[in-house]
Amino acid sequence: VRRAHVGFVRALVGMSGGARMVSAFDEGVFRQRGEVHRLMYDKYSLARALRDAGFSGARPVTADESGITGFAGYGLDAVGGEVRKPDSLFMEAVKP
C-alpha cells in the first residue's frame, strides 16, 4: 500500500475487520518500513529484564568489549573498529 493510501485502506480494514484487523494492518505497515522490533530497551530497563531472568552483573559495554577472552576477534558487532549498528545498545551479564 502506498503511503498516500494508507489512511484510506486502514479505514476500510477497520470497517470490514474491526480493531484487531486494524492493529494487524498497522503492524504490517510498520514492518514494511524495515522495523522488526516490538520493544525498545534502555540500559536501565534491559538490566532489570536481565536480573528478572536470573542474570547478574548487567553492565553496558561497547560493541567489541566483553568478559569473553578474544571476543573482539569474532567480529559479531564491530569489524575493523567500526560498529555495524552504531545506535545499538550492548549489555553483558552472567548467568550464575
N, C-alpha and C. Protein backbone atom coordinates (compact mmCIF):
# COMPACT_ATOMS: atom_id res chain seq x y z
N VAL A 1 0.86 -1.17 0.00
CA VAL A 1 0.00 0.00 0.00
C VAL A 1 0.90 1.23 0.00
N ARG A 2 0.67 2.13 -0.93
CA ARG A 2 1.45 3.36 -0.98
C ARG A 2 1.10 4.26 0.18
N ARG A 3 2.07 5.04 0.62
CA ARG A 3 1.87 5.91 1.79
C ARG A 3 0.63 6.78 1.68
N ALA A 4 0.37 7.30 0.50
CA ALA A 4 -0.76 8.21 0.31
C ALA A 4 -2.09 7.50 0.54
N HIS A 5 -2.11 6.19 0.39
CA HIS A 5 -3.36 5.44 0.51
C HIS A 5 -3.52 4.70 1.84
N VAL A 6 -2.53 4.77 2.70
CA VAL A 6 -2.55 4.01 3.95
C VAL A 6 -3.76 4.36 4.80
N GLY A 7 -4.05 5.63 4.96
CA GLY A 7 -5.20 6.05 5.79
C GLY A 7 -6.52 5.53 5.26
N PHE A 8 -6.69 5.60 3.95
CA PHE A 8 -7.93 5.11 3.33
C PHE A 8 -8.06 3.60 3.51
N VAL A 9 -6.99 2.86 3.22
CA VAL A 9 -7.02 1.41 3.35
C VAL A 9 -7.23 1.02 4.81
N ARG A 10 -6.59 1.75 5.73
CA ARG A 10 -6.75 1.48 7.17
C ARG A 10 -8.22 1.63 7.56
N ALA A 11 -8.88 2.65 7.06
CA ALA A 11 -10.30 2.86 7.36
C ALA A 11 -11.14 1.71 6.82
N LEU A 12 -10.85 1.25 5.61
CA LEU A 12 -11.57 0.11 5.05
C LEU A 12 -11.36 -1.15 5.87
N VAL A 13 -10.12 -1.38 6.28
CA VAL A 13 -9.80 -2.54 7.11
C VAL A 13 -10.59 -2.47 8.42
N GLY A 14 -10.66 -1.27 9.01
CA GLY A 14 -11.41 -1.10 10.26
C GLY A 14 -12.88 -1.37 10.09
N MET A 15 -13.46 -0.93 8.96
CA MET A 15 -14.89 -1.15 8.73
C MET A 15 -15.19 -2.63 8.49
N SER A 16 -14.29 -3.32 7.83
CA SER A 16 -14.58 -4.72 7.50
C SER A 16 -14.08 -5.70 8.54
N GLY A 17 -13.00 -5.36 9.25
CA GLY A 17 -12.41 -6.33 10.16
C GLY A 17 -12.35 -5.95 11.62
N GLY A 18 -12.63 -4.72 11.93
CA GLY A 18 -12.62 -4.29 13.33
C GLY A 18 -11.23 -3.93 13.85
N ALA A 19 -11.18 -3.70 15.15
CA ALA A 19 -9.96 -3.20 15.80
C ALA A 19 -8.78 -4.15 15.69
N ARG A 20 -9.03 -5.46 15.79
CA ARG A 20 -7.91 -6.42 15.70
C ARG A 20 -7.28 -6.40 14.32
N MET A 21 -8.09 -6.25 13.29
CA MET A 21 -7.56 -6.20 11.93
C MET A 21 -6.79 -4.90 11.70
N VAL A 22 -7.27 -3.81 12.28
CA VAL A 22 -6.55 -2.53 12.16
C VAL A 22 -5.19 -2.66 12.83
N SER A 23 -5.16 -3.30 13.99
CA SER A 23 -3.90 -3.50 14.69
C SER A 23 -2.93 -4.32 13.84
N ALA A 24 -3.42 -5.38 13.22
CA ALA A 24 -2.58 -6.22 12.36
C ALA A 24 -2.11 -5.43 11.14
N PHE A 25 -3.00 -4.64 10.57
CA PHE A 25 -2.64 -3.80 9.42
C PHE A 25 -1.54 -2.82 9.80
N ASP A 26 -1.71 -2.15 10.95
CA ASP A 26 -0.71 -1.19 11.41
C ASP A 26 0.65 -1.85 11.60
N GLU A 27 0.65 -3.06 12.16
CA GLU A 27 1.92 -3.76 12.36
C GLU A 27 2.55 -4.12 11.01
N GLY A 28 1.74 -4.53 10.06
CA GLY A 28 2.26 -4.84 8.73
C GLY A 28 2.90 -3.63 8.07
N VAL A 29 2.24 -2.48 8.17
CA VAL A 29 2.79 -1.25 7.61
C VAL A 29 4.11 -0.91 8.31
N PHE A 30 4.14 -1.05 9.63
CA PHE A 30 5.33 -0.78 10.42
C PHE A 30 6.48 -1.68 9.97
N ARG A 31 6.21 -2.97 9.81
CA ARG A 31 7.26 -3.92 9.42
C ARG A 31 7.73 -3.71 7.99
N GLN A 32 6.86 -3.26 7.10
CA GLN A 32 7.27 -2.99 5.72
C GLN A 32 8.26 -1.84 5.65
N ARG A 33 8.28 -1.02 6.65
CA ARG A 33 9.23 0.09 6.70
C ARG A 33 10.59 -0.35 7.22
N GLY A 34 10.75 -1.65 7.47
CA GLY A 34 12.04 -2.19 7.90
C GLY A 34 12.18 -2.36 9.39
N GLU A 35 11.15 -2.06 10.17
CA GLU A 35 11.22 -2.21 11.61
C GLU A 35 10.79 -3.62 12.00
N VAL A 36 11.59 -4.30 12.77
CA VAL A 36 11.24 -5.65 13.20
C VAL A 36 11.17 -5.77 14.72
N HIS A 37 11.48 -4.72 15.43
CA HIS A 37 11.48 -4.78 16.90
C HIS A 37 10.09 -4.46 17.45
N ARG A 38 9.72 -5.19 18.48
CA ARG A 38 8.45 -4.91 19.15
C ARG A 38 8.66 -4.12 20.43
N LEU A 39 9.88 -4.18 20.99
CA LEU A 39 10.21 -3.48 22.23
C LEU A 39 11.50 -2.70 22.05
N MET A 40 11.67 -1.68 22.86
CA MET A 40 12.90 -0.91 22.85
C MET A 40 13.35 -0.79 24.31
N TYR A 41 14.61 -1.07 24.54
CA TYR A 41 15.17 -1.02 25.89
C TYR A 41 16.19 0.09 26.01
N ASP A 42 16.32 0.64 27.22
CA ASP A 42 17.47 1.46 27.55
C ASP A 42 18.31 0.63 28.52
N LYS A 43 19.46 1.16 28.95
CA LYS A 43 20.34 0.35 29.79
C LYS A 43 19.71 0.00 31.14
N TYR A 44 18.78 0.80 31.60
CA TYR A 44 18.14 0.52 32.90
C TYR A 44 17.08 -0.59 32.77
N SER A 45 16.23 -0.47 31.76
CA SER A 45 15.17 -1.47 31.61
C SER A 45 15.74 -2.82 31.16
N LEU A 46 16.80 -2.81 30.34
CA LEU A 46 17.41 -4.07 29.93
C LEU A 46 18.13 -4.73 31.10
N ALA A 47 18.79 -3.95 31.93
CA ALA A 47 19.44 -4.50 33.12
C ALA A 47 18.41 -5.14 34.04
N ARG A 48 17.26 -4.49 34.20
CA ARG A 48 16.19 -5.05 35.03
C ARG A 48 15.65 -6.35 34.43
N ALA A 49 15.45 -6.39 33.11
CA ALA A 49 14.96 -7.61 32.44
C ALA A 49 15.97 -8.74 32.60
N LEU A 50 17.25 -8.43 32.50
CA LEU A 50 18.28 -9.46 32.69
C LEU A 50 18.28 -9.98 34.12
N ARG A 51 18.16 -9.07 35.10
CA ARG A 51 18.08 -9.51 36.50
C ARG A 51 16.85 -10.39 36.73
N ASP A 52 15.72 -9.97 36.18
CA ASP A 52 14.48 -10.75 36.33
C ASP A 52 14.61 -12.14 35.71
N ALA A 53 15.47 -12.27 34.71
CA ALA A 53 15.68 -13.57 34.05
C ALA A 53 16.77 -14.39 34.74
N GLY A 54 17.32 -13.87 35.86
CA GLY A 54 18.30 -14.63 36.63
C GLY A 54 19.75 -14.30 36.35
N PHE A 55 20.01 -13.27 35.55
CA PHE A 55 21.39 -12.87 35.28
C PHE A 55 21.86 -11.89 36.34
N SER A 56 23.17 -11.76 36.46
CA SER A 56 23.72 -10.79 37.41
C SER A 56 24.83 -9.99 36.74
N GLY A 57 25.18 -8.88 37.37
CA GLY A 57 26.29 -8.07 36.88
C GLY A 57 26.04 -7.40 35.54
N ALA A 58 24.79 -7.11 35.23
CA ALA A 58 24.48 -6.47 33.95
C ALA A 58 25.17 -5.12 33.87
N ARG A 59 25.82 -4.90 32.72
CA ARG A 59 26.52 -3.62 32.53
C ARG A 59 26.57 -3.29 31.05
N PRO A 60 26.51 -2.00 30.73
CA PRO A 60 26.67 -1.60 29.33
C PRO A 60 28.12 -1.82 28.90
N VAL A 61 28.30 -2.26 27.67
CA VAL A 61 29.63 -2.46 27.10
C VAL A 61 29.64 -1.88 25.69
N THR A 62 30.82 -1.81 25.10
CA THR A 62 30.92 -1.40 23.70
C THR A 62 30.72 -2.62 22.81
N ALA A 63 30.63 -2.41 21.51
CA ALA A 63 30.36 -3.50 20.57
C ALA A 63 31.47 -4.55 20.54
N ASP A 64 32.67 -4.16 20.92
CA ASP A 64 33.77 -5.13 20.88
C ASP A 64 34.34 -5.43 22.26
N GLU A 65 33.56 -5.16 23.29
CA GLU A 65 34.00 -5.36 24.67
C GLU A 65 33.23 -6.52 25.29
N SER A 66 33.93 -7.36 26.04
CA SER A 66 33.28 -8.47 26.73
C SER A 66 34.24 -9.09 27.72
N GLY A 67 33.68 -9.81 28.68
CA GLY A 67 34.48 -10.60 29.59
C GLY A 67 34.96 -11.89 28.92
N ILE A 68 34.48 -12.18 27.73
CA ILE A 68 34.89 -13.36 26.98
C ILE A 68 36.24 -13.07 26.31
N THR A 69 37.22 -13.88 26.60
CA THR A 69 38.55 -13.70 26.03
C THR A 69 38.49 -13.74 24.50
N GLY A 70 39.10 -12.74 23.87
CA GLY A 70 39.17 -12.68 22.41
C GLY A 70 37.86 -12.34 21.72
N PHE A 71 36.90 -11.80 22.46
CA PHE A 71 35.58 -11.51 21.91
C PHE A 71 35.63 -10.61 20.68
N ALA A 72 36.44 -9.57 20.72
CA ALA A 72 36.52 -8.61 19.60
C ALA A 72 36.91 -9.31 18.30
N GLY A 73 37.68 -10.38 18.40
CA GLY A 73 38.12 -11.11 17.22
C GLY A 73 37.01 -11.85 16.49
N TYR A 74 35.88 -12.05 17.15
CA TYR A 74 34.76 -12.75 16.50
C TYR A 74 34.05 -11.87 15.47
N GLY A 75 34.20 -10.56 15.60
CA GLY A 75 33.59 -9.65 14.63
C GLY A 75 32.08 -9.72 14.59
N LEU A 76 31.44 -9.88 15.74
CA LEU A 76 29.98 -10.01 15.77
C LEU A 76 29.28 -8.67 15.55
N ASP A 77 29.69 -7.64 16.27
CA ASP A 77 29.02 -6.34 16.15
C ASP A 77 29.95 -5.21 15.74
N ALA A 78 31.23 -5.49 15.67
CA ALA A 78 32.20 -4.49 15.23
C ALA A 78 33.24 -5.18 14.34
N VAL A 79 33.51 -4.59 13.21
CA VAL A 79 34.50 -5.13 12.28
C VAL A 79 35.47 -4.01 11.92
N GLY A 80 36.75 -4.28 12.11
CA GLY A 80 37.77 -3.27 11.80
C GLY A 80 37.60 -1.99 12.60
N GLY A 81 37.12 -2.11 13.82
CA GLY A 81 36.92 -0.94 14.66
C GLY A 81 35.65 -0.17 14.38
N GLU A 82 34.86 -0.60 13.40
CA GLU A 82 33.59 0.07 13.06
C GLU A 82 32.41 -0.75 13.57
N VAL A 83 31.50 -0.09 14.29
CA VAL A 83 30.30 -0.76 14.80
C VAL A 83 29.29 -0.91 13.67
N ARG A 84 28.75 -2.11 13.53
CA ARG A 84 27.77 -2.36 12.45
C ARG A 84 26.54 -1.47 12.57
N LYS A 85 25.99 -1.37 13.77
CA LYS A 85 24.82 -0.52 14.01
C LYS A 85 25.15 0.41 15.17
N PRO A 86 25.65 1.59 14.89
CA PRO A 86 26.12 2.49 15.95
C PRO A 86 25.06 2.90 16.97
N ASP A 87 23.78 2.78 16.62
CA ASP A 87 22.73 3.18 17.56
C ASP A 87 22.29 2.03 18.46
N SER A 88 23.01 0.90 18.43
CA SER A 88 22.65 -0.26 19.24
C SER A 88 23.07 -0.10 20.70
N LEU A 89 22.39 -0.82 21.56
CA LEU A 89 22.75 -0.89 22.98
C LEU A 89 23.38 -2.25 23.21
N PHE A 90 24.56 -2.26 23.80
CA PHE A 90 25.26 -3.50 24.09
C PHE A 90 25.37 -3.65 25.60
N MET A 91 24.91 -4.80 26.10
CA MET A 91 24.95 -5.09 27.53
C MET A 91 25.54 -6.49 27.70
N GLU A 92 26.17 -6.69 28.84
CA GLU A 92 26.69 -8.02 29.16
C GLU A 92 26.29 -8.36 30.59
N ALA A 93 25.94 -9.61 30.80
CA ALA A 93 25.58 -10.11 32.13
C ALA A 93 25.97 -11.58 32.18
N VAL A 94 25.99 -12.13 33.37
CA VAL A 94 26.34 -13.54 33.53
C VAL A 94 25.18 -14.28 34.20
N LYS A 95 25.06 -15.53 33.85
CA LYS A 95 24.05 -16.40 34.47
C LYS A 95 24.79 -17.31 35.44
N PRO A 96 24.61 -17.07 36.75
CA PRO A 96 25.34 -17.88 37.74
C PRO A 96 24.95 -19.35 37.70
